[in-house]
Amino acid sequence: MQSNTLSEDFYSRFYDQLMQSQSWPGFYLFKFIVKSESSHLQDLKSLFDPTKANFSEKKSSKKTFTSLSIKIKMQSPQDVIAIYKKSSTLEGVIAL
């Protein structure tokens, strides 16, 4: 239960930061790190509309990890937070 409370506190502060940092709707840059051999890279991409998102991938020097950047127009901070919450259910995905 305490973990959930901490999580909600984090998302509440994050929401406030998003509201202050930019205009909505607006473009937002998501950044993630995933193990290169993980099937979750495709799962992560499926959270976004491929016709509207700009995907950029870069492998680490040893090709162990892949960084994934997604630039997409989001309607509100709630939409950004919803993506982060969905991505948090994917094991081994690190949101930056």
C-alpha atoms as a PDB file:
ATOM      1  CA  MET A   1       0.000   0.000   0.000  1.00  0.00           C
ATOM      2  CA  GLN A   2       2.789   2.430   0.849  1.00  0.00           C
ATOM      3  CA  SER A   3       4.422   1.822  -2.542  1.00  0.00           C
ATOM      4  CA  ASN A   4       1.185   2.831  -4.290  1.00  0.00           C
ATOM      5  CA  THR A   5       0.998   6.020  -2.210  1.00  0.00           C
ATOM      6  CA  LEU A   6       4.578   6.916  -3.131  1.00  0.00           C
ATOM      7  CA  SER A   7       3.761   6.246  -6.747  1.00  0.00           C
ATOM      8  CA  GLU A   8       0.699   8.488  -6.677  1.00  0.00           C
ATOM      9  CA  ASP A   9       2.697  11.244  -4.960  1.00  0.00           C
ATOM     10  CA  PHE A  10       5.336  10.969  -7.689  1.00  0.00           C
ATOM     11  CA  TYR A  11       2.752  11.166 -10.480  1.00  0.00           C
ATOM     12  CA  SER A  12       1.025  14.099  -8.799  1.00  0.00           C
ATOM     13  CA  ARG A  13       4.312  16.057  -8.682  1.00  0.00           C
ATOM     14  CA  PHE A  14       5.111  14.970 -12.238  1.00  0.00           C
ATOM     15  CA  TYR A  15       1.699  16.220 -13.403  1.00  0.00           C
ATOM     16  CA  ASP A  16       2.391  19.627 -11.833  1.00  0.00           C
ATOM     17  CA  GLN A  17       5.810  19.790 -13.510  1.00  0.00           C
ATOM     18  CA  LEU A  18       4.318  18.913 -16.890  1.00  0.00           C
ATOM     19  CA  MET A  19       1.645  21.596 -16.511  1.00  0.00           C
ATOM     20  CA  GLN A  20       4.281  24.235 -15.735  1.00  0.00           C
ATOM     21  CA  SER A  21       6.884  23.188 -18.271  1.00  0.00           C
ATOM     22  CA  GLN A  22       4.921  23.334 -21.516  1.00  0.00           C
ATOM     23  CA  SER A  23       1.693  24.114 -23.319  1.00  0.00           C
ATOM     24  CA  TRP A  24      -0.933  21.442 -23.947  1.00  0.00           C
ATOM     25  CA  PRO A  25      -1.562  19.904 -26.382  1.00  0.00           C
ATOM     26  CA  GLY A  26       2.091  19.742 -27.290  1.00  0.00           C
ATOM     27  CA  PHE A  27       4.982  17.556 -28.335  1.00  0.00           C
ATOM     28  CA  TYR A  28       6.567  15.377 -25.663  1.00  0.00           C
ATOM     29  CA  LEU A  29       9.773  13.353 -25.849  1.00  0.00           C
ATOM     30  CA  PHE A  30       9.637   9.958 -24.143  1.00  0.00           C
ATOM     31  CA  LYS A  31      12.926   8.149 -23.476  1.00  0.00           C
ATOM     32  CA  PHE A  32      13.320   4.519 -22.483  1.00  0.00           C
ATOM     33  CA  ILE A  33      16.104   1.958 -22.164  1.00  0.00           C
ATOM     34  CA  VAL A  34      15.400  -1.710 -22.916  1.00  0.00           C
ATOM     35  CA  LYS A  35      17.603  -4.798 -23.104  1.00  0.00           C
ATOM     36  CA  SER A  36      18.267  -5.294 -26.794  1.00  0.00           C
ATOM     37  CA  GLU A  37      17.067  -8.909 -26.890  1.00  0.00           C
ATOM     38  CA  SER A  38      13.870  -8.098 -24.969  1.00  0.00           C
ATOM     39  CA  SER A  39      10.515  -8.551 -26.658  1.00  0.00           C
ATOM     40  CA  HIS A  40       9.333  -5.506 -24.716  1.00  0.00           C
ATOM     41  CA  LEU A  41      10.853  -3.132 -27.248  1.00  0.00           C
ATOM     42  CA  GLN A  42       7.954  -3.914 -29.603  1.00  0.00           C
ATOM     43  CA  ASP A  43       5.484  -3.837 -26.703  1.00  0.00           C
ATOM     44  CA  LEU A  44       6.741  -0.376 -25.830  1.00  0.00           C
ATOM     45  CA  LYS A  45       6.377   0.849 -29.400  1.00  0.00           C
ATOM     46  CA  SER A  46       2.827  -0.496 -29.514  1.00  0.00           C
ATOM     47  CA  LEU A  47       1.818   2.031 -26.824  1.00  0.00           C
ATOM     48  CA  PHE A  48       2.160   4.760 -29.469  1.00  0.00           C
ATOM     49  CA  ASP A  49       0.364   5.448 -32.748  1.00  0.00           C
ATOM     50  CA  PRO A  50       3.032   4.654 -35.372  1.00  0.00           C
ATOM     51  CA  THR A  51       1.502   7.128 -37.832  1.00  0.00           C
ATOM     52  CA  LYS A  52       1.953  10.019 -35.369  1.00  0.00           C
ATOM     53  CA  ALA A  53       5.068   9.063 -33.396  1.00  0.00           C
ATOM     54  CA  ASN A  54       8.660   9.674 -34.402  1.00  0.00           C
ATOM     55  CA  PHE A  55      10.748   6.713 -33.157  1.00  0.00           C
ATOM     56  CA  SER A  56      14.514   6.819 -32.734  1.00  0.00           C
ATOM     57  CA  GLU A  57      16.569   3.808 -31.598  1.00  0.00           C
ATOM     58  CA  LYS A  58      20.205   3.593 -30.641  1.00  0.00           C
ATOM     59  CA  LYS A  59      22.068   0.519 -29.420  1.00  0.00           C
ATOM     60  CA  SER A  60      24.685   0.732 -26.667  1.00  0.00           C
ATOM     61  CA  SER A  61      28.350   0.231 -27.590  1.00  0.00           C
ATOM     62  CA  LYS A  62      28.195  -3.448 -26.582  1.00  0.00           C
ATOM     63  CA  LYS A  63      24.733  -3.804 -28.164  1.00  0.00           C
ATOM     64  CA  THR A  64      23.347  -4.963 -24.800  1.00  0.00           C
ATOM     65  CA  PHE A  65      20.776  -2.183 -24.474  1.00  0.00           C
ATOM     66  CA  THR A  66      18.675  -0.130 -26.844  1.00  0.00           C
ATOM     67  CA  SER A  67      17.617   3.411 -26.090  1.00  0.00           C
ATOM     68  CA  LEU A  68      14.267   4.328 -27.557  1.00  0.00           C
ATOM     69  CA  SER A  69      13.147   7.934 -27.968  1.00  0.00           C
ATOM     70  CA  ILE A  70       9.616   8.738 -29.063  1.00  0.00           C
ATOM     71  CA  LYS A  71       8.488  12.242 -29.970  1.00  0.00           C
ATOM     72  CA  ILE A  72       4.746  12.569 -30.252  1.00  0.00           C
ATOM     73  CA  LYS A  73       2.060  15.199 -29.783  1.00  0.00           C
ATOM     74  CA  MET A  74       0.216  14.567 -26.534  1.00  0.00           C
ATOM     75  CA  GLN A  75      -3.083  16.134 -25.577  1.00  0.00           C
ATOM     76  CA  SER A  76      -2.475  16.503 -21.833  1.00  0.00           C
ATOM     77  CA  PRO A  77      -0.174  15.605 -18.930  1.00  0.00           C
ATOM     78  CA  GLN A  78      -2.642  12.833 -18.025  1.00  0.00           C
ATOM     79  CA  ASP A  79      -1.936  11.195 -21.403  1.00  0.00           C
ATOM     80  CA  VAL A  80       1.822  11.336 -20.766  1.00  0.00           C
ATOM     81  CA  ILE A  81       1.392   9.795 -17.316  1.00  0.00           C
ATOM     82  CA  ALA A  82      -0.869   7.065 -18.727  1.00  0.00           C
ATOM     83  CA  ILE A  83       1.920   6.004 -21.125  1.00  0.00           C
ATOM     84  CA  TYR A  84       4.471   5.910 -18.301  1.00  0.00           C
ATOM     85  CA  LYS A  85       2.108   3.836 -16.137  1.00  0.00           C
ATOM     86  CA  LYS A  86       1.575   1.333 -18.973  1.00  0.00           C
ATOM     87  CA  SER A  87       5.312   1.132 -19.669  1.00  0.00           C
ATOM     88  CA  SER A  88       5.991   0.441 -15.974  1.00  0.00           C
ATOM     89  CA  THR A  89       4.215  -2.913 -16.328  1.00  0.00           C
ATOM     90  CA  LEU A  90       6.835  -4.080 -18.867  1.00  0.00           C
ATOM     91  CA  GLU A  91       9.656  -5.891 -17.091  1.00  0.00           C
ATOM     92  CA  GLY A  92      13.118  -4.540 -17.775  1.00  0.00           C
ATOM     93  CA  VAL A  93      11.955  -1.252 -19.308  1.00  0.00           C
ATOM     94  CA  ILE A  94      13.592   1.814 -17.779  1.00  0.00           C
ATOM     95  CA  ALA A  95      11.893   5.183 -18.279  1.00  0.00           C
ATOM     96  CA  LEU A  96      14.166   8.215 -18.260  1.00  0.00           C
END
